[in-house]
Every structure is written in structure tokens, then in C-alpha cells.
Amino acid sequence: MEGWEPRAAWDDLKLGVKHGRQFNRIAMLGNRRWQEMAARVGSWFIGGEARYFEDETEAMAWLGEDA
């Protein structure tokens, strides 16, 4: 989440409210505890699953798995 700004969070929330049920999986990549909590909260707004990862390879592998 380099370069993250509060405005981006607002835009993400609006996207989740409008299209959240269309997502099966969302991977959040970061390295801070609050980002892990944000992924948990974000999962409340989507029809699928949201997970936090510190490793991009693991995140991409999880996104590519059969649900």
C-alpha cells in the first residue's frame, strides 16, 4: 500500500459497496498490522473472501487457486 491516501480508501469503499458482491477474492499486500485489519474489515463488504499477505507470490498463488 505504498502511496496510500485516505481519498483512495474512500474510493475503495465506494467500489466495494457498489460492486462488492461481484468479487470472489481480494488479496491485500502490505507489511503493517493495520493493513491486516483493513483486509478483515474489507471482507465485510464483498461477497467473497479478502486476505492479507506480506508476500506477493503467496497472494498471487491464492488468487489463482480454485475456490
C-alpha atoms as a PDB file:
ATOM      1  CA  MET A   1       0.000   0.000   0.000  1.00  0.00           C
ATOM      2  CA  GLU A   2       2.758   2.399  -0.869  1.00  0.00           C
ATOM      3  CA  GLY A   3       1.406   5.811  -1.647  1.00  0.00           C
ATOM      4  CA  TRP A   4      -1.909   5.029   0.059  1.00  0.00           C
ATOM      5  CA  GLU A   5      -4.058   8.047   0.825  1.00  0.00           C
ATOM      6  CA  PRO A   6      -7.350   8.485   2.691  1.00  0.00           C
ATOM      7  CA  ARG A   7      -9.016   9.521  -0.582  1.00  0.00           C
ATOM      8  CA  ALA A   8      -8.074   6.129  -2.052  1.00  0.00           C
ATOM      9  CA  ALA A   9      -9.683   4.358   0.921  1.00  0.00           C
ATOM     10  CA  TRP A  10     -12.906   6.286   0.319  1.00  0.00           C
ATOM     11  CA  ASP A  11     -12.864   5.337  -3.373  1.00  0.00           C
ATOM     12  CA  ASP A  12     -12.223   1.689  -2.460  1.00  0.00           C
ATOM     13  CA  LEU A  13     -15.139   1.715  -0.022  1.00  0.00           C
ATOM     14  CA  LYS A  14     -17.475   3.126  -2.670  1.00  0.00           C
ATOM     15  CA  LEU A  15     -16.293   0.471  -5.146  1.00  0.00           C
ATOM     16  CA  GLY A  16     -16.877  -2.268  -2.566  1.00  0.00           C
ATOM     17  CA  VAL A  17     -20.384  -1.062  -1.747  1.00  0.00           C
ATOM     18  CA  LYS A  18     -21.343  -0.811  -5.414  1.00  0.00           C
ATOM     19  CA  HIS A  19     -19.667  -3.972  -6.771  1.00  0.00           C
ATOM     20  CA  GLY A  20     -18.646  -5.933  -3.669  1.00  0.00           C
ATOM     21  CA  ARG A  21     -20.812  -8.964  -4.371  1.00  0.00           C
ATOM     22  CA  GLN A  22     -19.073  -9.404  -7.734  1.00  0.00           C
ATOM     23  CA  PHE A  23     -15.666 -10.140  -6.143  1.00  0.00           C
ATOM     24  CA  ASN A  24     -14.742 -13.708  -5.238  1.00  0.00           C
ATOM     25  CA  ARG A  25     -11.343 -12.921  -3.761  1.00  0.00           C
ATOM     26  CA  ILE A  26      -9.334  -9.847  -2.885  1.00  0.00           C
ATOM     27  CA  ALA A  27      -5.701 -10.055  -1.800  1.00  0.00           C
ATOM     28  CA  MET A  28      -4.261  -7.142   0.158  1.00  0.00           C
ATOM     29  CA  LEU A  29      -0.494  -6.894   0.065  1.00  0.00           C
ATOM     30  CA  GLY A  30       1.303  -4.986   2.798  1.00  0.00           C
ATOM     31  CA  ASN A  31       3.593  -5.131   5.795  1.00  0.00           C
ATOM     32  CA  ARG A  32       1.717  -3.477   8.627  1.00  0.00           C
ATOM     33  CA  ARG A  33      -0.707  -4.833  11.232  1.00  0.00           C
ATOM     34  CA  TRP A  34      -3.386  -2.238  10.414  1.00  0.00           C
ATOM     35  CA  GLN A  35      -3.416  -3.453   6.812  1.00  0.00           C
ATOM     36  CA  GLU A  36      -4.273  -6.949   8.016  1.00  0.00           C
ATOM     37  CA  MET A  37      -7.172  -5.487   9.998  1.00  0.00           C
ATOM     38  CA  ALA A  38      -8.262  -3.475   6.946  1.00  0.00           C
ATOM     39  CA  ALA A  39      -8.456  -6.706   4.931  1.00  0.00           C
ATOM     40  CA  ARG A  40     -10.711  -8.233   7.588  1.00  0.00           C
ATOM     41  CA  VAL A  41     -12.999  -5.209   7.620  1.00  0.00           C
ATOM     42  CA  GLY A  42     -12.997  -5.099   3.823  1.00  0.00           C
ATOM     43  CA  SER A  43     -14.240  -8.670   3.691  1.00  0.00           C
ATOM     44  CA  TRP A  44     -17.487  -7.477   5.276  1.00  0.00           C
ATOM     45  CA  PHE A  45     -18.236  -5.522   2.083  1.00  0.00           C
ATOM     46  CA  ILE A  46     -17.642  -8.207  -0.525  1.00  0.00           C
ATOM     47  CA  GLY A  47     -19.413 -11.422  -1.403  1.00  0.00           C
ATOM     48  CA  GLY A  48     -16.179 -13.393  -1.408  1.00  0.00           C
ATOM     49  CA  GLU A  49     -13.090 -13.529   0.735  1.00  0.00           C
ATOM     50  CA  ALA A  50     -10.398 -10.965   1.485  1.00  0.00           C
ATOM     51  CA  ARG A  51      -6.977 -11.946   2.821  1.00  0.00           C
ATOM     52  CA  TYR A  52      -3.864 -10.075   3.843  1.00  0.00           C
ATOM     53  CA  PHE A  53      -0.415 -11.118   2.600  1.00  0.00           C
ATOM     54  CA  GLU A  54       3.120  -9.885   3.141  1.00  0.00           C
ATOM     55  CA  ASP A  55       4.438 -11.880   0.176  1.00  0.00           C
ATOM     56  CA  GLU A  56       3.269 -11.063  -3.353  1.00  0.00           C
ATOM     57  CA  THR A  57       3.949 -14.580  -4.656  1.00  0.00           C
ATOM     58  CA  GLU A  58       1.719 -16.101  -1.964  1.00  0.00           C
ATOM     59  CA  ALA A  59      -1.011 -13.553  -2.688  1.00  0.00           C
ATOM     60  CA  MET A  60      -0.972 -14.267  -6.405  1.00  0.00           C
ATOM     61  CA  ALA A  61      -0.976 -18.036  -5.792  1.00  0.00           C
ATOM     62  CA  TRP A  62      -4.010 -17.708  -3.511  1.00  0.00           C
ATOM     63  CA  LEU A  63      -5.841 -15.583  -6.082  1.00  0.00           C
ATOM     64  CA  GLY A  64      -5.149 -18.230  -8.740  1.00  0.00           C
ATOM     65  CA  GLU A  65      -6.426 -21.186  -6.669  1.00  0.00           C
ATOM     66  CA  ASP A  66      -9.754 -22.775  -7.462  1.00  0.00           C
ATOM     67  CA  ALA A  67     -12.298 -21.575  -4.936  1.00  0.00           C
END
